[in-house]
Protein backbone atom coordinates (compact mmCIF):
# COMPACT_ATOMS: atom_id res chain seq x y z
CA MET A 1 110.21 86.36 69.56
CA ASN A 2 109.84 85.59 73.24
CA LEU A 3 110.21 81.87 73.96
CA TYR A 4 108.15 80.10 76.60
CA SER A 5 110.23 78.15 79.13
CA VAL A 6 109.96 74.37 79.62
CA MET A 7 111.27 72.25 82.50
CA LEU A 8 111.72 68.51 81.98
CA VAL A 9 111.52 66.03 84.88
CA ASP A 10 112.47 62.34 84.61
CA ASP A 11 114.71 60.09 86.67
CA GLU A 12 116.27 58.68 83.50
CA GLU A 13 118.88 60.97 81.94
CA GLU A 14 118.50 59.19 78.61
CA VAL A 15 114.79 60.00 78.40
CA ILE A 16 115.45 63.68 79.09
CA GLN A 17 118.14 63.85 76.41
CA ILE A 18 115.86 62.16 73.87
CA ILE A 19 113.03 64.62 74.54
CA MET A 20 115.42 67.58 74.31
CA LYS A 21 116.79 66.40 70.96
CA LYS A 22 113.53 65.10 69.53
CA LEU A 23 112.07 68.55 68.71
CA ASP A 24 113.20 71.87 67.37
CA TRP A 25 112.07 73.74 70.46
CA ALA A 26 112.91 77.26 69.30
CA SER A 27 110.91 76.91 66.09
CA MET A 28 107.90 75.90 68.21
CA GLY A 29 108.33 78.96 70.44
CA PHE A 30 109.86 77.21 73.46
CA ARG A 31 113.21 76.81 75.20
CA ILE A 32 114.43 74.25 77.74
CA ALA A 33 114.94 76.22 80.96
CA GLY A 34 116.28 73.24 82.90
CA TYR A 35 115.71 69.63 83.85
CA ALA A 36 115.55 67.58 87.03
CA HIS A 37 115.68 63.90 87.88
CA ASN A 38 113.01 63.78 90.57
CA GLY A 39 110.14 65.80 91.95
CA ALA A 40 112.01 67.19 94.96
CA GLU A 41 114.78 68.54 92.76
CA ALA A 42 112.24 69.88 90.26
CA LEU A 43 110.38 71.80 92.96
CA GLU A 44 113.58 73.57 93.91
CA LEU A 45 114.47 74.23 90.27
CA ALA A 46 111.00 75.67 89.57
CA GLU A 47 111.57 78.35 92.19
CA GLU A 48 114.72 79.35 90.34
CA CYS A 49 113.64 79.23 86.66
CA GLN A 50 109.85 79.87 86.92
CA PRO A 51 108.87 77.68 83.92
CA ASP A 52 105.74 78.18 81.83
CA VAL A 53 105.45 74.44 81.12
CA VAL A 54 106.57 71.40 83.14
CA MET A 55 106.79 67.99 81.49
CA THR A 56 107.18 65.26 84.09
CA ASP A 57 107.23 61.49 84.46
CA ILE A 58 105.05 59.91 87.15
CA LYS A 59 107.25 57.20 88.65
CA MET A 60 110.31 58.87 90.16
CA PRO A 61 112.20 58.52 93.45
CA TYR A 62 111.79 60.89 96.43
CA MET A 63 108.72 62.66 94.98
CA ASP A 64 106.57 61.35 92.14
CA GLY A 65 105.15 63.36 89.27
CA LEU A 66 101.64 63.60 90.67
CA GLU A 67 102.82 65.05 93.98
CA LEU A 68 105.11 67.44 92.09
CA SER A 69 102.17 68.53 89.92
CA ARG A 70 100.00 69.17 92.98
CA ARG A 71 102.66 71.33 94.61
CA LEU A 72 103.44 73.25 91.43
CA LYS A 73 99.76 74.00 90.85
CA GLU A 74 99.41 75.26 94.43
CA ARG A 75 102.41 77.56 94.08
CA TYR A 76 102.04 78.56 90.40
CA PRO A 77 98.34 78.21 89.40
CA SER A 78 98.86 79.27 85.76
CA ILE A 79 101.64 76.75 85.05
CA ARG A 80 100.98 74.17 82.29
CA ILE A 81 101.80 70.57 83.26
CA ILE A 82 102.24 67.59 80.96
CA ILE A 83 102.49 64.14 82.52
CA PHE A 84 104.05 61.31 80.55
CA SER A 85 104.18 57.77 81.83
CA GLY A 86 104.59 54.17 80.87
CA PHE A 87 101.58 53.29 83.03
CA ASP A 88 98.22 53.15 81.30
CA GLU A 89 96.19 53.11 84.49
CA PHE A 90 92.86 54.86 84.97
CA GLU A 91 93.66 56.00 88.52
CA TYR A 92 96.72 57.90 87.34
CA ALA A 93 94.77 59.59 84.58
CA LYS A 94 91.90 60.43 86.93
CA GLU A 95 94.27 62.04 89.42
CA ALA A 96 95.96 63.97 86.62
CA ILE A 97 92.57 65.36 85.56
CA ARG A 98 91.82 66.38 89.16
CA ILE A 99 95.11 68.26 89.36
CA GLU A 100 94.18 69.97 86.07
CA VAL A 101 97.23 68.89 84.10
CA GLU A 102 97.34 69.94 80.47
CA GLU A 103 97.84 66.46 79.03
CA TYR A 104 98.48 62.86 80.07
CA ILE A 105 100.50 60.97 77.45
CA LEU A 106 101.98 57.48 77.37
CA LYS A 107 105.53 56.36 76.62
CA PRO A 108 107.07 55.86 74.18
CA ILE A 109 106.56 59.47 73.20
CA ASP A 110 105.79 60.15 69.56
CA ALA A 111 107.56 63.23 68.16
CA GLY A 112 104.59 64.25 66.04
CA GLU A 113 102.19 63.92 68.95
CA LEU A 114 104.52 65.93 71.16
CA GLN A 115 104.93 68.68 68.56
CA GLU A 116 101.17 68.90 68.13
CA LEU A 117 100.71 69.07 71.91
CA PHE A 118 103.19 71.90 72.36
CA GLY A 119 101.60 73.68 69.43
CA ARG A 120 98.27 73.67 71.30
CA ILE A 121 99.95 74.80 74.50
CA ARG A 122 101.65 77.66 72.72
CA LYS A 123 98.34 78.81 71.24
CA SER A 124 96.82 78.65 74.72
CA LEU A 125 99.67 80.69 76.22
CA ASP A 126 99.54 83.19 73.34
CA LYS A 127 95.80 83.56 73.77
CA GLU A 128 96.16 84.14 77.50
CA ILE A 129 98.75 86.86 76.93
CA ASP A 130 96.81 88.39 74.03
CA GLU A 131 93.70 88.63 76.17
CA LYS A 132 95.67 90.49 78.80
CA ARG A 133 97.16 92.81 76.21
CA ASN A 134 94.32 93.14 73.72
CA ILE A 135 93.69 96.84 73.36
CA ASP A 136 90.04 96.53 72.31
CA LYS A 137 89.20 94.27 75.22
CA LEU A 138 91.16 96.44 77.61
CA GLN A 139 89.32 99.48 76.31
CA GLU A 140 85.99 97.71 76.77
CA TYR A 141 86.95 96.66 80.28
CA TYR A 142 88.21 100.18 80.99
CA MET A 143 84.91 101.77 79.93
CA GLU A 144 82.95 99.28 82.03
CA SER A 145 85.17 100.05 85.02
CA LEU A 146 85.15 103.85 84.50
CA PRO A 147 82.23 104.71 86.83
CA LEU A 148 83.81 102.70 89.65
CA LEU A 149 87.26 104.21 88.95
CA GLN A 150 85.76 107.69 89.06
CA GLU A 151 84.02 107.03 92.38
CA ASN A 152 87.22 105.59 93.86
CA PHE A 153 89.09 108.69 92.72
CA PHE A 154 86.62 111.01 94.42
CA THR A 155 86.62 109.03 97.65
CA SER A 156 90.44 109.07 97.57
CA LEU A 157 90.28 112.86 97.22
CA PHE A 158 87.97 113.05 100.24
CA GLU A 159 90.47 111.00 102.24
CA GLY A 160 93.50 112.98 101.06
CA ARG A 161 95.16 109.98 99.38
CA VAL A 162 95.82 111.53 95.95
CA PRO A 163 99.10 113.49 95.56
CA ALA A 164 98.47 117.00 94.19
CA GLU A 165 100.82 116.46 91.26
CA GLU A 166 98.87 113.37 90.12
CA ILE A 167 95.35 114.81 90.20
CA GLY A 168 95.57 116.10 86.62
CA ASN A 169 96.55 112.67 85.29
CA TYR A 170 93.64 111.01 87.09
CA LEU A 171 91.19 113.56 85.65
CA LYS A 172 92.47 112.84 82.15
CA ASN A 173 92.65 109.04 82.50
CA TYR A 174 89.25 108.76 84.18
CA GLN A 175 87.59 111.24 81.76
CA ILE A 176 86.47 113.62 84.50
CA ARG A 177 85.76 117.27 83.74
CA LEU A 178 85.95 119.48 86.81
CA GLU A 179 87.02 122.92 85.67
CA GLY A 180 85.79 124.92 88.66
CA PRO A 181 87.17 127.42 89.27
CA LEU A 182 85.65 126.86 92.74
CA TYR A 183 84.41 123.62 94.29
CA LEU A 184 82.01 122.66 97.02
CA VAL A 185 81.18 119.30 98.58
CA THR A 186 77.67 118.64 99.82
CA ILE A 187 76.57 115.57 101.76
CA LEU A 188 72.92 114.53 101.48
CA HIS A 189 72.33 112.51 104.63
CA LEU A 190 69.17 110.41 104.85
CA SER A 191 67.43 110.06 108.21
CA SER A 192 68.06 106.53 109.49
CA ALA A 193 64.67 106.59 111.21
CA ASP A 194 62.93 107.04 107.84
CA VAL A 195 65.15 104.67 105.86
CA LYS A 196 64.78 101.69 108.21
CA ASP A 197 61.07 101.38 107.31
CA TYR A 198 62.03 100.28 103.78
CA SER A 199 62.85 96.66 102.93
CA ASN A 200 65.88 97.84 100.92
CA PRO A 201 67.30 101.07 102.41
CA PHE A 202 69.91 101.33 99.65
CA LEU A 203 67.18 101.82 97.06
CA MET A 204 65.98 104.86 99.01
CA THR A 205 69.52 106.30 98.81
CA VAL A 206 69.51 105.64 95.07
CA SER A 207 66.14 107.41 94.82
CA VAL A 208 67.54 110.56 96.50
CA LYS A 209 70.64 110.40 94.27
CA LYS A 210 68.42 110.23 91.16
CA LEU A 211 66.40 113.21 92.33
CA ALA A 212 69.59 115.17 93.00
CA GLU A 213 70.87 114.37 89.51
CA GLU A 214 67.62 115.69 88.04
CA GLN A 215 67.30 118.84 90.16
CA LEU A 216 70.85 119.86 91.17
CA VAL A 217 73.44 118.48 88.77
CA PRO A 218 72.49 120.62 85.73
CA LYS A 219 72.67 123.92 87.63
CA TYR A 220 76.16 123.52 89.08
CA SER A 221 77.71 120.78 86.87
CA SER A 222 77.80 118.56 89.92
CA ARG A 223 79.18 115.05 90.16
CA THR A 224 77.26 112.58 92.34
CA LEU A 225 78.22 109.36 94.11
CA ILE A 226 77.17 107.25 97.08
CA TYR A 227 79.77 107.04 99.82
CA LEU A 228 79.40 105.63 103.33
CA GLY A 229 75.62 105.50 102.89
CA ASP A 230 75.27 109.18 101.94
CA VAL A 231 74.76 110.89 98.59
CA ILE A 232 77.74 113.14 97.84
CA LEU A 233 77.70 116.09 95.44
CA ILE A 234 80.81 117.80 94.11
CA SER A 235 79.57 121.09 92.69
CA GLN A 236 81.38 123.70 90.60
CA LEU A 237 80.84 127.40 91.27
CA SER A 238 82.09 130.34 89.26
CA SER A 239 82.33 132.74 92.22
CA ALA A 240 82.04 132.85 96.01
CA ASP A 241 78.89 134.99 95.62
CA GLN A 242 76.99 131.88 94.52
CA VAL A 243 77.36 130.07 97.86
CA VAL A 244 74.29 131.68 99.46
CA ALA A 245 72.05 130.84 96.47
CA TYR A 246 73.53 127.34 96.39
CA THR A 247 72.72 126.79 100.09
CA ASP A 248 69.16 128.01 99.54
CA LEU A 249 68.81 125.60 96.61
CA MET A 250 69.96 122.75 98.83
CA ASP A 251 67.41 123.81 101.44
CA ASP A 252 64.65 123.63 98.84
CA PHE A 253 65.90 120.23 97.72
CA CYS A 254 65.66 118.82 101.26
CA ARG A 255 61.98 119.78 101.41
CA GLN A 256 61.42 118.32 97.94
CA ALA A 257 63.11 115.04 98.94
CA LYS A 258 60.72 114.74 101.88
CA ARG A 259 57.75 115.25 99.58
CA VAL A 260 58.88 113.12 96.63
CA CYS A 261 60.93 110.35 98.28
CA GLY A 262 59.29 110.34 101.69
CA VAL A 263 62.56 110.66 103.61
CA ARG A 264 64.11 113.46 105.66
CA VAL A 265 67.37 114.65 104.10
CA THR A 266 69.96 116.93 105.70
CA ALA A 267 72.25 118.74 103.26
CA GLY A 268 75.66 119.43 104.84
CA VAL A 269 77.45 122.08 102.76
CA GLY A 270 81.25 122.21 103.10
CA GLN A 271 83.46 125.23 102.71
CA LEU A 272 84.38 126.61 99.29
CA CYS A 273 87.78 125.56 97.94
CA ALA A 274 89.86 126.72 95.01
CA SER A 275 91.49 123.40 94.08
CA LEU A 276 90.64 119.73 93.96
CA GLU A 277 93.54 119.15 96.33
CA GLU A 278 91.50 120.96 99.00
CA LEU A 279 88.35 118.94 98.32
CA ARG A 280 89.18 116.89 101.41
CA LEU A 281 88.65 119.98 103.57
CA SER A 282 85.30 120.72 101.96
CA TYR A 283 84.23 117.11 102.51
CA GLN A 284 85.24 117.26 106.18
CA GLY A 285 83.34 120.51 106.53
CA ALA A 286 80.24 118.98 104.93
CA ARG A 287 80.38 116.02 107.31
CA ASN A 288 80.75 118.35 110.27
CA ALA A 289 77.80 120.38 109.01
CA VAL A 290 75.62 117.25 108.90
CA SER A 291 76.46 116.56 112.54
CA TYR A 292 74.86 119.90 113.47
CA ARG A 293 71.41 118.58 112.52
CA ALA A 294 70.96 117.74 116.21
CA LEU A 295 70.94 121.51 116.88
CA TYR A 296 69.38 122.90 113.72
CA GLY A 297 67.07 120.05 112.71
CA SER A 298 66.93 117.77 109.66
CA SER A 299 65.20 118.34 106.30
CA ARG A 300 67.25 121.45 105.73
CA ALA A 301 70.63 122.66 104.45
CA ILE A 302 73.40 123.49 106.93
CA ASN A 303 76.39 125.44 105.62
CA ILE A 304 79.53 124.91 107.72
CA ALA A 305 80.86 128.35 106.75
CA GLU A 306 77.88 129.95 108.51
CA ILE A 307 78.47 127.95 111.68
CA GLU A 308 82.28 127.80 111.86
CA PRO A 309 83.35 130.61 109.52
CA LYS A 310 86.97 131.09 110.68
CA GLU A 311 87.98 128.30 112.99
CA GLN A 312 87.15 125.58 110.49
CA SER A 313 89.23 126.76 107.55
CA GLU A 314 92.31 127.86 109.53
CA GLU A 315 92.54 124.75 111.66
CA THR A 316 92.01 122.25 108.85
CA TRP A 317 94.62 123.98 106.64
CA GLU A 318 97.29 123.49 109.29
CA GLU A 319 96.27 119.87 109.75
CA GLU A 320 96.46 119.40 105.98
CA ALA A 321 99.95 120.92 105.87
CA LEU A 322 101.14 118.68 108.71
CA ARG A 323 99.73 115.61 107.01
CA ARG A 324 101.34 116.38 103.65
CA ILE A 325 104.78 117.06 105.10
CA MET A 326 104.66 113.90 107.24
CA LYS A 327 103.61 111.91 104.18
CA GLN A 328 106.73 113.05 102.29
CA ILE A 329 108.92 112.18 105.26
CA ARG A 330 107.47 108.66 105.22
CA LEU A 331 107.88 108.28 101.43
CA GLY A 332 111.55 109.20 101.59
CA GLY A 333 111.80 111.63 98.64
CA LYS A 334 114.01 114.63 99.44
CA GLU A 335 112.84 116.88 96.60
CA PRO A 336 109.09 116.41 97.27
CA LEU A 337 109.70 117.01 100.99
CA GLU A 338 111.57 120.23 100.25
CA ALA A 339 108.77 121.37 97.91
CA GLU A 340 106.09 120.67 100.56
CA ILE A 341 107.92 122.60 103.29
CA GLN A 342 108.68 125.53 101.00
CA GLY A 343 105.07 125.55 99.79
CA CYS A 344 103.91 125.64 103.40
CA MET A 345 106.15 128.62 104.11
CA ARG A 346 104.77 130.45 101.06
CA ARG A 347 101.24 129.78 102.28
CA PHE A 348 102.01 131.42 105.61
CA THR A 349 103.60 134.37 103.81
CA GLU A 350 100.67 134.80 101.43
CA ASN A 351 98.27 134.74 104.38
CA GLY A 352 100.23 137.57 105.97
CA SER A 353 101.21 135.37 108.91
CA SER A 354 104.03 136.42 111.19
CA LEU A 355 107.29 134.54 111.72
CA GLN A 356 106.03 133.85 115.23
CA LYS A 357 102.99 132.00 113.87
CA TYR A 358 105.16 129.99 111.48
CA ARG A 359 107.43 129.02 114.38
CA LEU A 360 104.45 127.76 116.35
CA PHE A 361 103.42 125.64 113.38
CA VAL A 362 106.96 124.24 113.17
CA MET A 363 106.79 123.37 116.89
CA GLU A 364 103.65 121.32 116.19
CA LEU A 365 105.37 119.63 113.23
CA ILE A 366 108.47 118.79 115.29
CA ALA A 367 106.24 117.24 117.95
CA GLU A 368 104.58 115.13 115.23
CA ILE A 369 108.01 114.11 113.85
CA ILE A 370 109.19 113.05 117.32
CA ARG A 371 106.03 110.98 117.88
CA PHE A 372 106.50 109.38 114.47
CA GLY A 373 110.19 108.66 115.14
CA ASN A 374 109.52 107.10 118.53
CA LYS A 375 106.72 104.95 117.07
CA ASN A 376 109.10 103.65 114.39
CA GLN A 377 111.95 103.14 116.87
CA LEU A 378 114.17 105.81 115.33
CA LYS A 379 116.93 107.30 117.48
CA MET A 380 115.42 110.76 117.76
CA GLU A 381 117.93 111.76 120.46
CA THR A 382 120.53 112.09 117.68
CA LEU A 383 118.45 114.94 116.24
CA PHE A 384 117.09 116.31 119.49
CA PRO A 385 119.43 115.44 122.38
CA LYS A 386 117.74 115.18 125.78
CA GLU A 387 119.66 118.15 127.11
CA SER A 388 118.72 120.36 124.14
CA ASP A 389 115.89 122.90 124.19
CA ILE A 390 113.73 122.25 121.12
CA TYR A 391 111.95 125.56 121.69
CA GLN A 392 115.26 127.41 121.35
CA MET A 393 116.22 125.34 118.28
CA VAL A 394 113.03 126.46 116.55
CA PHE A 395 113.31 130.09 117.60
CA GLN A 396 117.03 130.44 116.86
CA PRO A 397 116.69 131.23 113.10
CA ASP A 398 116.14 134.95 112.42
CA SER A 399 113.94 134.54 109.35
CA SER A 400 111.33 132.23 107.91
CA GLU A 401 113.82 131.25 105.16
CA GLU A 402 116.38 130.09 107.73
CA LEU A 403 113.69 128.26 109.68
CA CYS A 404 112.52 126.60 106.47
CA SER A 405 116.07 125.40 105.69
CA TRP A 406 116.46 124.06 109.23
CA LEU A 407 113.15 122.20 109.01
CA ILE A 408 114.08 120.68 105.63
CA ASP A 409 117.36 119.49 107.14
CA VAL A 410 115.51 117.87 110.05
CA GLY A 411 113.02 116.19 107.70
CA GLU A 412 115.75 114.80 105.44
CA LYS A 413 117.66 113.38 108.40
CA VAL A 414 114.49 111.62 109.59
CA GLN A 415 114.04 110.24 106.06
CA GLU A 416 117.59 108.85 106.12
CA MET A 417 117.04 107.27 109.53
CA LEU A 418 113.76 105.73 108.36
CA ASN A 419 115.29 104.31 105.16
CA SER A 420 118.17 102.87 107.18
CA GLU A 421 115.74 101.29 109.65
CA ARG A 422 113.71 99.76 106.79
CA LEU A 423 116.91 98.29 105.32
CA ASN A 424 117.86 96.93 108.73
CA ASN A 425 114.40 95.38 109.12
CA SER A 426 114.69 93.49 105.82
CA LYS A 427 118.17 92.32 106.77
CA SER A 428 116.86 91.46 110.21
CA PHE A 429 114.27 88.96 109.01
CA VAL A 430 116.78 87.41 106.59
CA THR A 431 119.13 87.03 109.56
CA ARG A 432 116.31 85.49 111.58
CA ALA A 433 115.55 83.10 108.72
CA ILE A 434 119.21 82.05 108.58
CA GLU A 435 119.25 81.54 112.35
CA TYR A 436 116.06 79.50 112.07
CA VAL A 437 117.70 77.24 109.48
CA ARG A 438 120.77 76.77 111.64
CA GLU A 439 118.65 75.84 114.64
CA ASN A 440 116.04 73.71 112.84
CA TYR A 441 117.71 72.31 109.70
CA ALA A 442 117.13 68.78 111.04
CA ASP A 443 113.36 69.35 110.86
CA GLN A 444 112.12 67.63 107.70
CA SER A 445 109.03 69.89 107.49
CA ILE A 446 110.92 73.17 106.92
CA SER A 447 109.60 75.01 103.84
CA ILE A 448 109.13 78.55 102.59
CA GLU A 449 105.61 78.45 103.99
CA THR A 450 106.71 77.44 107.49
CA ILE A 451 109.51 80.02 107.68
CA CYS A 452 107.21 82.81 106.42
CA LYS A 453 104.57 81.86 108.99
CA THR A 454 107.22 82.04 111.69
CA LEU A 455 108.47 85.45 110.49
CA GLY A 456 105.01 86.85 109.72
CA VAL A 457 105.79 87.88 106.11
CA SER A 458 104.43 86.85 102.72
CA SER A 459 106.31 84.19 100.75
CA ALA A 460 106.60 86.52 97.73
CA TYR A 461 108.26 89.31 99.75
CA PHE A 462 110.42 86.85 101.68
CA SER A 463 111.69 85.07 98.55
CA THR A 464 112.58 88.38 96.88
CA VAL A 465 114.43 89.85 99.85
CA PHE A 466 116.13 86.60 100.88
CA LYS A 467 117.62 86.07 97.43
CA LYS A 468 118.64 89.72 97.19
CA GLU A 469 120.49 89.53 100.52
CA THR A 470 122.02 86.03 100.20
CA GLY A 471 122.23 85.42 96.46
CA LYS A 472 120.38 82.12 96.93
CA THR A 473 116.81 80.92 97.03
CA PHE A 474 115.67 79.84 100.49
CA ILE A 475 115.48 76.17 99.46
CA GLY A 476 118.93 76.44 97.89
CA TYR A 477 120.35 77.95 101.07
CA LEU A 478 118.68 75.29 103.24
CA THR A 479 120.05 72.49 101.03
CA ASP A 480 123.58 73.93 101.10
CA TYR A 481 123.49 74.30 104.88
CA ARG A 482 122.25 70.73 105.32
CA MET A 483 125.00 69.44 103.03
CA GLU A 484 127.66 71.33 104.99
CA ALA A 485 126.29 69.89 108.23
CA ALA A 486 126.29 66.41 106.68
CA GLU A 487 129.88 66.86 105.52
CA GLU A 488 130.96 67.72 109.05
CA LEU A 489 129.14 64.69 110.50
CA LEU A 490 130.75 62.41 107.92
CA LEU A 491 134.21 63.58 108.91
CA THR A 492 133.76 63.85 112.68
CA THR A 493 131.51 60.88 113.55
CA ASN A 494 131.16 57.20 112.74
CA ASP A 495 127.41 57.51 112.11
CA LYS A 496 125.94 55.54 109.26
CA THR A 497 124.80 57.47 106.21
CA TYR A 498 121.12 56.89 106.96
CA MET A 499 121.63 58.29 110.49
CA ILE A 500 123.34 61.40 109.14
CA ALA A 501 120.49 61.83 106.64
CA GLY A 502 117.98 62.00 109.50
CA LYS A 503 120.15 64.39 111.50
CA VAL A 504 120.27 66.91 108.65
CA GLY A 505 116.57 66.81 107.76
CA TYR A 506 116.22 64.05 105.17
CA GLY A 507 113.67 61.32 105.86
CA ASP A 508 114.74 59.41 102.75
CA PRO A 509 118.41 58.30 102.95
CA ASN A 510 118.47 57.63 99.21
CA TYR A 511 117.44 61.19 98.40
CA PHE A 512 120.02 62.48 100.87
CA SER A 513 122.71 60.52 99.01
CA TYR A 514 121.40 61.89 95.73
CA ALA A 515 121.49 65.50 96.96
CA PHE A 516 124.95 65.03 98.48
CA LYS A 517 126.33 63.58 95.27
CA LYS A 518 124.80 66.42 93.29
CA LYS A 519 126.72 68.94 95.41
CA TYR A 520 130.03 67.15 95.98
CA GLY A 521 130.18 64.87 92.95
CA ILE A 522 130.45 61.60 94.90
CA SER A 523 128.32 59.66 97.35
CA PRO A 524 128.55 60.35 101.11
CA SER A 525 130.29 57.05 101.85
CA LYS A 526 132.94 57.56 99.16
CA TYR A 527 133.41 61.17 100.28
CA ARG A 528 134.15 59.95 103.83
CA VAL A 529 136.61 57.31 102.62
CA GLU A 530 138.52 59.70 100.35
CA LYS A 531 138.75 62.43 102.98
CA MET A 532 139.97 59.92 105.57
CA LYS A 533 142.70 58.76 103.17
CA VAL A 534 143.88 62.33 102.66
CA SER A 535 143.92 63.12 106.38
CA GLY A 536 145.50 59.77 107.19
């Protein structure tokens, strides 16, 4: 059984020990993750142990329970907070309600009352987790979300953001049947001049979509969605011979839309493709076809293959290949990169392309790699020295296989450089954070929030990387550095303890003494005396 974690906060050690021993925590489903003697210490401990429940007194030195509760709720909204106090005052209770604490109880604490309270909290935590894990509710939520998930999947296909190897999983998970074998994207673009006359233009788009679902979907098992203000159809054809009839059908539909919906519609028909991976090209072709309405007029179908029969398909395939290879270089996986480059070579071979044409493609890819490297501050001169002739490097291999191997080697080296640079960047901002502490540790306002604002990173990412690199939380590191600075001042100056407290970032001298004693075992004044005796 997983136990929920509890953190206890009270300035009296005796009270904490009584609470810990008063209940059989494990049998109730809880464990004591840690305890602190004031709010400031508890805030630091919470970052370390991430408790589910915090039980805190109100009256404590350095930071009271109400302030602690406010800060915990800001940082961990789902945390459960119990406040216990010897003060039966309405203002305290009112503030506790405003902070949304779980319970406000008075001392002395009754064991039965406390057990009952934690029983309720456990049920609440169990319910919260069950709701997140409940299969029936998840299934219900999944079915409600399915139409939106499907539309997001299609738009991601149009934008080329779905890896080819994952398309099958998305089709299965999102219950989409697109068996082809051929696919075609059509964009139904509504004339803005006609739509603006309606009080709600979106309803006119919905009207055209409904008409398309009635007239077009059954004939070609099309899927429809609204994207960027247009109605999009993804149609399935059994052979390339159907394209002409399909275009004529779209032409008829445009005239029907004008008659039924009262709006001029241009149907941009993209090029035929043999896989869902290439749907992006068909979508781009359909959008280009729509743009030709200025030449060919609206209220009609325009097939991009009839306007740009060769240039369109050849050019976009090369762009697609460049994009996919560059994507794998950015992701850093050597095997996927190798598969993309080898697949590209096979495509050239299957198309009957010459080695010369493949070399020209590689030249374009190398230019893209160099631009990418320079943009990311990679030392590209290590791969392509200034005195080298990149043209000769590309044309040196005698076969497409050798050229493919050379290109894979180049891509993998760029991956290694990029991964190294990313590692250096994470180390760099940790180094900057450490330098910031060393230069500003006397500033009492330093916090995770202020350092992250200075560095321009999120607190979640910063906390994870900082602890990974240093082995400490940021607050823990800051406290240790301040204590080391205080130790040096104690031994090298005659400053009073309260003066040293201010110099190392503590506005409250008492809390400084508390933190110092926690680290070194004795108070600052005694530490100074003992060290002086040893040195003397």
